[in-house]
Every structure is written in structure tokens, then in C-alpha cells.
């Protein structure tokens, strides 16, 4: 339980940092204004939500779907969640829904998110292999 909580916290922090990086790329694509700090906070929050949702999706779907299907599902979820701020800006402020900036941001979020997901997947896969080896060693000693 303690390891799961630690893993969830680490995942949340990394997801928020990915959202921050995406927000920084958004701001750097336009000219930075001091009032744009809220964009960084919103993007960090969106990154946190995306990372948490995708992690839980991956955990639930693992074993039920093939790995590439999970990545496709995660990619679709990432795109849908990433579109929430653009959708709100479209309906509240009248900004275009599919601007070049929005598409670039979603692509960056996809690349960073999927890279992190793949790295996590490989880490836990190797960890499981090591645990299986230790389990076999332990059972052989009995």
C-alpha cells in the first residue's frame, strides 16, 4: 500500500511537470505576459489530471487489452482531456477551437505523456521480471 501511494505521488508530480512543460511551450509560442501565469497553473492541473487518469486506465486495462491497444486508448483519453481548456476558451472567450497552437500543444502533450507512460511500463515490466526471478529462487530453496 505504501509503495502504491508513493508511486501515485511520483506519477502525479511528473504528470504536473509535463503539463508545466506543455504550458511553457504554449507561452513561448506566444509572447510571455505576467498575466499568463494562470496558463501554467491550468496546464499543470490538466497534466496532473491526464497523468492520473491515464495511469489508472493503464492499470485497469493491463491484462485485458494488448499493450498497443492501451496506448491507443491512452492517446484518445489524452486528446479528449487536453481539449477541455480549448473548448472552454472557445465557448467562453470565442477563441478558435482548433488553432495551430492547440494542435501543437496536444502533439507535445502526446509525445511527453506517451514517453512517460512507456518508460513507466518498461520500468514496471523489468521490476516484475526481477520479482519473478526472486520468487523462483525462493521457491527453489524450499
N, C-alpha and C. Protein backbone atom coordinates (compact mmCIF):
# COMPACT_ATOMS: atom_id res chain seq x y z
N UNK A 1 0.83 -1.19 0.00
CA UNK A 1 0.00 0.00 0.00
C UNK A 1 0.87 1.26 0.00
N UNK A 2 1.92 1.24 0.82
CA UNK A 2 2.81 2.39 0.91
C UNK A 2 3.50 2.65 -0.43
N UNK A 3 3.93 1.57 -1.09
CA UNK A 3 4.60 1.70 -2.39
C UNK A 3 3.63 2.24 -3.44
N UNK A 4 2.37 1.82 -3.39
CA UNK A 4 1.36 2.30 -4.33
C UNK A 4 1.12 3.79 -4.13
N UNK A 5 1.06 4.25 -2.89
CA UNK A 5 0.87 5.68 -2.60
C UNK A 5 2.07 6.48 -3.10
N UNK A 6 3.26 5.98 -2.85
CA UNK A 6 4.48 6.65 -3.31
C UNK A 6 4.49 6.72 -4.84
N UNK A 7 4.13 5.62 -5.48
CA UNK A 7 4.08 5.58 -6.94
C UNK A 7 3.06 6.57 -7.49
N UNK A 8 1.90 6.67 -6.83
CA UNK A 8 0.86 7.61 -7.27
C UNK A 8 1.34 9.04 -7.11
N UNK A 9 2.01 9.35 -6.03
CA UNK A 9 2.52 10.71 -5.81
C UNK A 9 3.58 11.06 -6.84
N UNK A 10 4.51 10.14 -7.10
CA UNK A 10 5.55 10.39 -8.10
C UNK A 10 4.92 10.58 -9.47
N UNK A 11 3.95 9.74 -9.81
CA UNK A 11 3.25 9.87 -11.09
C UNK A 11 2.55 11.22 -11.20
N UNK A 12 1.90 11.66 -10.12
CA UNK A 12 1.20 12.95 -10.13
C UNK A 12 2.17 14.11 -10.32
N UNK A 13 3.31 14.06 -9.64
CA UNK A 13 4.30 15.13 -9.77
C UNK A 13 4.86 15.18 -11.18
N UNK A 14 5.21 14.03 -11.74
CA UNK A 14 5.74 14.00 -13.10
C UNK A 14 4.69 14.46 -14.10
N UNK A 15 3.44 14.06 -13.89
CA UNK A 15 2.36 14.49 -14.79
C UNK A 15 2.17 16.01 -14.73
N UNK A 16 2.24 16.56 -13.52
CA UNK A 16 2.12 18.02 -13.39
C UNK A 16 3.29 18.73 -14.07
N UNK A 17 4.49 18.15 -13.96
CA UNK A 17 5.65 18.74 -14.63
C UNK A 17 5.51 18.68 -16.15
N UNK A 18 4.96 17.58 -16.66
CA UNK A 18 4.72 17.50 -18.10
C UNK A 18 3.73 18.58 -18.52
N UNK A 19 2.67 18.75 -17.73
CA UNK A 19 1.72 19.83 -18.01
C UNK A 19 2.38 21.19 -17.97
N UNK A 20 3.32 21.38 -17.03
CA UNK A 20 4.05 22.65 -16.94
C UNK A 20 4.92 22.86 -18.18
N UNK A 21 5.58 21.81 -18.65
CA UNK A 21 6.40 21.92 -19.86
C UNK A 21 5.54 22.27 -21.06
N UNK A 22 4.38 21.63 -21.14
CA UNK A 22 3.46 21.94 -22.24
C UNK A 22 3.01 23.40 -22.14
N UNK A 23 2.72 23.85 -20.94
CA UNK A 23 2.32 25.25 -20.74
C UNK A 23 3.43 26.21 -21.09
N UNK A 24 4.67 25.86 -20.74
CA UNK A 24 5.80 26.71 -21.11
C UNK A 24 5.96 26.80 -22.62
N UNK A 25 5.74 25.69 -23.30
CA UNK A 25 5.82 25.74 -24.77
C UNK A 25 4.70 26.57 -25.35
N UNK A 26 3.53 26.54 -24.71
CA UNK A 26 2.41 27.38 -25.16
C UNK A 26 2.74 28.85 -24.99
N UNK A 27 3.28 29.19 -23.84
CA UNK A 27 3.61 30.60 -23.58
C UNK A 27 4.76 31.06 -24.47
N UNK A 28 5.74 30.19 -24.68
CA UNK A 28 6.87 30.59 -25.52
C UNK A 28 6.47 30.71 -26.98
N UNK A 29 5.38 30.05 -27.38
CA UNK A 29 4.92 30.21 -28.76
C UNK A 29 4.23 31.56 -28.95
N UNK A 30 3.70 32.11 -27.88
CA UNK A 30 3.19 33.48 -27.89
C UNK A 30 4.17 34.31 -27.07
N UNK A 31 3.90 35.56 -26.89
CA UNK A 31 4.80 36.39 -26.09
C UNK A 31 4.36 36.32 -24.63
N UNK A 32 5.32 36.06 -23.76
CA UNK A 32 5.03 35.89 -22.34
C UNK A 32 4.56 37.21 -21.73
N UNK A 33 3.47 37.12 -21.02
CA UNK A 33 2.95 38.25 -20.25
C UNK A 33 2.81 37.77 -18.81
N UNK A 34 2.95 38.65 -17.88
CA UNK A 34 2.90 38.27 -16.47
C UNK A 34 1.53 37.68 -16.11
N UNK A 35 0.47 38.08 -16.82
CA UNK A 35 -0.86 37.55 -16.55
C UNK A 35 -1.04 36.12 -17.08
N UNK A 36 -0.08 35.63 -17.83
CA UNK A 36 -0.18 34.29 -18.39
C UNK A 36 0.26 33.20 -17.42
N UNK A 37 0.58 33.58 -16.20
CA UNK A 37 0.98 32.58 -15.21
C UNK A 37 -0.16 31.61 -14.95
N UNK A 38 -1.41 32.08 -15.06
CA UNK A 38 -2.54 31.19 -14.84
C UNK A 38 -2.55 30.06 -15.88
N UNK A 39 -2.01 30.32 -17.08
CA UNK A 39 -1.93 29.27 -18.10
C UNK A 39 -1.04 28.13 -17.60
N UNK A 40 0.07 28.49 -16.96
CA UNK A 40 0.96 27.46 -16.41
C UNK A 40 0.27 26.64 -15.33
N UNK A 41 -0.49 27.31 -14.49
CA UNK A 41 -1.20 26.59 -13.43
C UNK A 41 -2.28 25.67 -14.00
N UNK A 42 -3.03 26.18 -14.98
CA UNK A 42 -4.08 25.37 -15.61
C UNK A 42 -3.46 24.18 -16.33
N UNK A 43 -2.37 24.41 -17.07
CA UNK A 43 -1.73 23.32 -17.79
C UNK A 43 -1.13 22.29 -16.84
N UNK A 44 -0.60 22.73 -15.70
CA UNK A 44 -0.10 21.79 -14.70
C UNK A 44 -1.24 20.95 -14.14
N UNK A 45 -2.37 21.61 -13.88
CA UNK A 45 -3.54 20.89 -13.38
C UNK A 45 -4.06 19.90 -14.41
N UNK A 46 -4.12 20.32 -15.67
CA UNK A 46 -4.56 19.42 -16.75
C UNK A 46 -3.58 18.25 -16.87
N UNK A 47 -2.28 18.53 -16.79
CA UNK A 47 -1.28 17.46 -16.84
C UNK A 47 -1.44 16.48 -15.69
N UNK A 48 -1.74 17.00 -14.51
CA UNK A 48 -1.97 16.16 -13.34
C UNK A 48 -3.19 15.25 -13.58
N UNK A 49 -4.27 15.82 -14.08
CA UNK A 49 -5.49 15.04 -14.35
C UNK A 49 -5.22 13.99 -15.42
N UNK A 50 -4.57 14.41 -16.50
CA UNK A 50 -4.28 13.48 -17.60
C UNK A 50 -3.41 12.32 -17.11
N UNK A 51 -2.35 12.64 -16.39
CA UNK A 51 -1.45 11.59 -15.91
C UNK A 51 -2.13 10.63 -14.97
N UNK A 52 -2.97 11.15 -14.08
CA UNK A 52 -3.67 10.30 -13.13
C UNK A 52 -4.69 9.41 -13.84
N UNK A 53 -5.47 10.00 -14.75
CA UNK A 53 -6.49 9.23 -15.48
C UNK A 53 -5.83 8.15 -16.34
N UNK A 54 -4.78 8.51 -17.06
CA UNK A 54 -4.13 7.55 -17.94
C UNK A 54 -3.45 6.44 -17.13
N UNK A 55 -2.86 6.79 -16.00
CA UNK A 55 -2.24 5.76 -15.16
C UNK A 55 -3.29 4.77 -14.69
N UNK A 56 -4.42 5.27 -14.21
CA UNK A 56 -5.48 4.37 -13.74
C UNK A 56 -6.04 3.54 -14.89
N UNK A 57 -6.18 4.16 -16.06
CA UNK A 57 -6.65 3.43 -17.24
C UNK A 57 -5.68 2.31 -17.58
N UNK A 58 -4.39 2.62 -17.54
CA UNK A 58 -3.37 1.62 -17.85
C UNK A 58 -3.43 0.48 -16.85
N UNK A 59 -3.58 0.79 -15.57
CA UNK A 59 -3.63 -0.24 -14.54
C UNK A 59 -4.86 -1.12 -14.72
N UNK A 60 -6.00 -0.50 -14.99
CA UNK A 60 -7.25 -1.26 -15.15
C UNK A 60 -7.22 -2.10 -16.43
N UNK A 61 -6.72 -1.53 -17.51
CA UNK A 61 -6.76 -2.22 -18.81
C UNK A 61 -5.64 -3.23 -19.00
N UNK A 62 -4.59 -3.14 -18.20
CA UNK A 62 -3.46 -4.07 -18.37
C UNK A 62 -3.93 -5.50 -18.11
N UNK A 63 -3.65 -6.37 -19.04
CA UNK A 63 -4.07 -7.76 -18.94
C UNK A 63 -5.38 -8.03 -19.66
N UNK A 64 -6.21 -6.99 -19.80
CA UNK A 64 -7.48 -7.13 -20.51
C UNK A 64 -7.33 -6.75 -21.98
N UNK A 65 -6.43 -5.82 -22.26
CA UNK A 65 -6.16 -5.37 -23.62
C UNK A 65 -4.69 -5.59 -23.94
N UNK A 66 -4.36 -5.57 -25.21
CA UNK A 66 -2.96 -5.64 -25.61
C UNK A 66 -2.32 -4.28 -25.34
N UNK A 67 -1.00 -4.26 -25.21
CA UNK A 67 -0.29 -3.04 -24.83
C UNK A 67 -0.54 -1.93 -25.85
N UNK A 68 -0.47 -2.25 -27.15
CA UNK A 68 -0.68 -1.20 -28.14
C UNK A 68 -2.11 -0.66 -28.08
N UNK A 69 -3.09 -1.49 -27.70
CA UNK A 69 -4.47 -1.01 -27.56
C UNK A 69 -4.58 -0.06 -26.36
N UNK A 70 -3.83 -0.36 -25.32
CA UNK A 70 -3.83 0.53 -24.15
C UNK A 70 -3.22 1.87 -24.52
N UNK A 71 -2.14 1.86 -25.31
CA UNK A 71 -1.52 3.11 -25.73
C UNK A 71 -2.47 3.92 -26.62
N UNK A 72 -3.22 3.25 -27.49
CA UNK A 72 -4.20 3.95 -28.33
C UNK A 72 -5.30 4.54 -27.45
N UNK A 73 -5.81 3.76 -26.50
CA UNK A 73 -6.84 4.25 -25.58
C UNK A 73 -6.31 5.43 -24.77
N UNK A 74 -5.08 5.33 -24.29
CA UNK A 74 -4.47 6.43 -23.53
C UNK A 74 -4.32 7.67 -24.40
N UNK A 75 -3.95 7.48 -25.64
CA UNK A 75 -3.80 8.60 -26.57
C UNK A 75 -5.13 9.31 -26.81
N UNK A 76 -6.18 8.54 -26.97
CA UNK A 76 -7.51 9.13 -27.16
C UNK A 76 -7.94 9.89 -25.91
N UNK A 77 -7.74 9.29 -24.74
CA UNK A 77 -8.08 9.97 -23.48
C UNK A 77 -7.29 11.26 -23.31
N UNK A 78 -6.00 11.21 -23.62
CA UNK A 78 -5.15 12.39 -23.51
C UNK A 78 -5.67 13.51 -24.41
N UNK A 79 -6.06 13.18 -25.64
CA UNK A 79 -6.56 14.19 -26.56
C UNK A 79 -7.87 14.78 -26.05
N UNK A 80 -8.77 13.94 -25.58
CA UNK A 80 -10.07 14.42 -25.10
C UNK A 80 -9.89 15.34 -23.90
N UNK A 81 -9.08 14.92 -22.93
CA UNK A 81 -8.87 15.75 -21.74
C UNK A 81 -8.12 17.03 -22.09
N UNK A 82 -7.18 16.95 -23.02
CA UNK A 82 -6.42 18.14 -23.44
C UNK A 82 -7.31 19.18 -24.13
N UNK A 83 -8.39 18.74 -24.70
CA UNK A 83 -9.28 19.65 -25.42
C UNK A 83 -10.20 20.43 -24.48
N UNK A 84 -10.31 20.04 -23.20
CA UNK A 84 -11.19 20.76 -22.28
C UNK A 84 -10.86 22.25 -22.16
N UNK A 85 -9.60 22.64 -21.91
CA UNK A 85 -9.31 24.08 -21.82
C UNK A 85 -9.61 24.82 -23.13
N UNK A 86 -9.30 24.19 -24.27
CA UNK A 86 -9.58 24.83 -25.56
C UNK A 86 -11.08 24.96 -25.79
N UNK A 87 -11.84 23.97 -25.36
CA UNK A 87 -13.29 24.01 -25.50
C UNK A 87 -13.89 25.11 -24.63
N UNK A 88 -13.39 25.22 -23.40
CA UNK A 88 -13.87 26.28 -22.51
C UNK A 88 -13.53 27.65 -23.08
N UNK A 89 -12.29 27.81 -23.57
CA UNK A 89 -11.88 29.09 -24.17
C UNK A 89 -12.71 29.39 -25.42
N UNK A 90 -13.10 28.37 -26.14
CA UNK A 90 -13.91 28.56 -27.35
C UNK A 90 -15.30 29.08 -26.99
N UNK A 91 -15.93 28.45 -26.01
CA UNK A 91 -17.30 28.85 -25.67
C UNK A 91 -17.37 30.10 -24.80
N UNK A 92 -16.38 30.32 -23.95
CA UNK A 92 -16.41 31.48 -23.06
C UNK A 92 -15.82 32.72 -23.72
N UNK A 93 -14.66 32.57 -24.37
CA UNK A 93 -13.97 33.73 -24.92
C UNK A 93 -14.07 33.84 -26.44
N UNK A 94 -14.66 32.85 -27.10
CA UNK A 94 -14.81 32.89 -28.55
C UNK A 94 -13.54 32.60 -29.32
N UNK A 95 -12.57 31.97 -28.67
CA UNK A 95 -11.33 31.63 -29.36
C UNK A 95 -11.57 30.43 -30.27
N UNK A 96 -10.77 30.29 -31.34
CA UNK A 96 -10.96 29.13 -32.22
C UNK A 96 -10.67 27.82 -31.49
N UNK A 97 -11.48 26.82 -31.80
CA UNK A 97 -11.35 25.54 -31.09
C UNK A 97 -10.10 24.78 -31.52
N UNK A 98 -9.83 24.73 -32.81
CA UNK A 98 -8.67 24.00 -33.32
C UNK A 98 -7.68 24.98 -33.94
N UNK A 99 -6.99 25.72 -33.08
CA UNK A 99 -5.96 26.62 -33.58
C UNK A 99 -4.65 25.84 -33.73
N UNK A 100 -3.71 26.43 -34.42
CA UNK A 100 -2.41 25.80 -34.60
C UNK A 100 -1.73 25.57 -33.26
N UNK A 101 -1.87 26.53 -32.36
CA UNK A 101 -1.27 26.40 -31.04
C UNK A 101 -1.85 25.21 -30.28
N UNK A 102 -3.18 25.05 -30.36
CA UNK A 102 -3.83 23.94 -29.67
C UNK A 102 -3.35 22.60 -30.20
N UNK A 103 -3.23 22.50 -31.51
CA UNK A 103 -2.78 21.24 -32.12
C UNK A 103 -1.33 20.94 -31.73
N UNK A 104 -0.48 21.96 -31.75
CA UNK A 104 0.93 21.77 -31.36
C UNK A 104 1.02 21.33 -29.90
N UNK A 105 0.22 21.95 -29.05
CA UNK A 105 0.24 21.61 -27.63
C UNK A 105 -0.21 20.18 -27.41
N UNK A 106 -1.24 19.76 -28.12
CA UNK A 106 -1.71 18.38 -27.97
C UNK A 106 -0.65 17.40 -28.45
N UNK A 107 0.04 17.72 -29.54
CA UNK A 107 1.10 16.84 -30.04
C UNK A 107 2.24 16.74 -29.02
N UNK A 108 2.64 17.87 -28.44
CA UNK A 108 3.70 17.86 -27.42
C UNK A 108 3.25 17.05 -26.20
N UNK A 109 2.01 17.26 -25.78
CA UNK A 109 1.49 16.50 -24.63
C UNK A 109 1.44 15.01 -24.94
N UNK A 110 1.05 14.66 -26.18
CA UNK A 110 1.02 13.24 -26.57
C UNK A 110 2.42 12.64 -26.48
N UNK A 111 3.41 13.33 -27.05
CA UNK A 111 4.78 12.80 -27.07
C UNK A 111 5.34 12.66 -25.66
N UNK A 112 5.18 13.69 -24.84
CA UNK A 112 5.70 13.62 -23.47
C UNK A 112 4.94 12.59 -22.64
N UNK A 113 3.62 12.60 -22.75
CA UNK A 113 2.80 11.67 -21.98
C UNK A 113 3.06 10.22 -22.35
N UNK A 114 3.12 9.94 -23.64
CA UNK A 114 3.36 8.57 -24.08
C UNK A 114 4.80 8.13 -23.75
N UNK A 115 5.75 9.05 -23.81
CA UNK A 115 7.12 8.72 -23.43
C UNK A 115 7.18 8.34 -21.96
N UNK A 116 6.51 9.11 -21.12
CA UNK A 116 6.48 8.82 -19.70
C UNK A 116 5.76 7.50 -19.43
N UNK A 117 4.64 7.28 -20.12
CA UNK A 117 3.89 6.04 -19.95
C UNK A 117 4.73 4.84 -20.38
N UNK A 118 5.42 4.95 -21.50
CA UNK A 118 6.26 3.86 -21.97
C UNK A 118 7.41 3.59 -21.01
N UNK A 119 8.03 4.66 -20.52
CA UNK A 119 9.13 4.49 -19.56
C UNK A 119 8.63 3.82 -18.29
N UNK A 120 7.46 4.23 -17.81
CA UNK A 120 6.89 3.60 -16.61
C UNK A 120 6.58 2.13 -16.87
N UNK A 121 6.01 1.86 -18.04
CA UNK A 121 5.68 0.48 -18.40
C UNK A 121 6.93 -0.39 -18.42
N UNK A 122 8.01 0.09 -19.03
CA UNK A 122 9.25 -0.69 -19.10
C UNK A 122 9.85 -0.87 -17.70
N UNK A 123 9.79 0.16 -16.87
CA UNK A 123 10.31 0.06 -15.51
C UNK A 123 9.58 -1.03 -14.73
N UNK A 124 8.25 -0.98 -14.77
CA UNK A 124 7.48 -1.96 -14.00
C UNK A 124 7.56 -3.36 -14.60
N UNK A 125 7.75 -3.45 -15.90
CA UNK A 125 7.93 -4.75 -16.54
C UNK A 125 9.23 -5.38 -16.05
N UNK A 126 10.32 -4.60 -16.03
CA UNK A 126 11.61 -5.11 -15.53
C UNK A 126 11.52 -5.45 -14.04
N UNK A 127 10.81 -4.60 -13.28
CA UNK A 127 10.63 -4.86 -11.86
C UNK A 127 9.90 -6.18 -11.64
N UNK A 128 8.86 -6.43 -12.41
CA UNK A 128 8.12 -7.69 -12.30
C UNK A 128 8.98 -8.88 -12.67
N UNK A 129 9.82 -8.72 -13.69
CA UNK A 129 10.72 -9.81 -14.08
C UNK A 129 11.70 -10.13 -12.95
N UNK A 130 12.25 -9.09 -12.32
CA UNK A 130 13.17 -9.32 -11.20
C UNK A 130 12.45 -9.98 -10.03
N UNK A 131 11.22 -9.56 -9.76
CA UNK A 131 10.46 -10.17 -8.67
C UNK A 131 10.15 -11.63 -8.97
N UNK A 132 9.84 -11.93 -10.23
CA UNK A 132 9.60 -13.33 -10.61
C UNK A 132 10.85 -14.17 -10.41
N UNK A 133 12.01 -13.62 -10.77
CA UNK A 133 13.27 -14.34 -10.57
C UNK A 133 13.52 -14.61 -9.09
N UNK A 134 13.29 -13.61 -8.26
CA UNK A 134 13.49 -13.78 -6.82
C UNK A 134 12.51 -14.79 -6.24
N UNK A 135 11.29 -14.77 -6.78
CA UNK A 135 10.28 -15.74 -6.34
C UNK A 135 10.71 -17.17 -6.69
N UNK A 136 11.24 -17.35 -7.89
CA UNK A 136 11.73 -18.68 -8.32
C UNK A 136 12.90 -19.13 -7.46
N UNK A 137 13.81 -18.19 -7.17
CA UNK A 137 14.95 -18.50 -6.32
C UNK A 137 14.48 -18.94 -4.93
N UNK A 138 13.52 -18.22 -4.40
CA UNK A 138 12.99 -18.52 -3.08
C UNK A 138 12.31 -19.89 -3.07
N UNK A 139 11.52 -20.15 -4.12
CA UNK A 139 10.81 -21.44 -4.19
C UNK A 139 11.78 -22.60 -4.39
N UNK A 140 12.88 -22.36 -5.10
CA UNK A 140 13.89 -23.40 -5.30
C UNK A 140 14.62 -23.74 -4.00
N UNK A 141 14.74 -22.78 -3.10
CA UNK A 141 15.41 -23.02 -1.83
C UNK A 141 14.57 -23.89 -0.90
N UNK A 142 13.28 -23.84 -1.12
CA UNK A 142 12.39 -24.64 -0.25
C UNK A 142 12.48 -26.05 -0.69
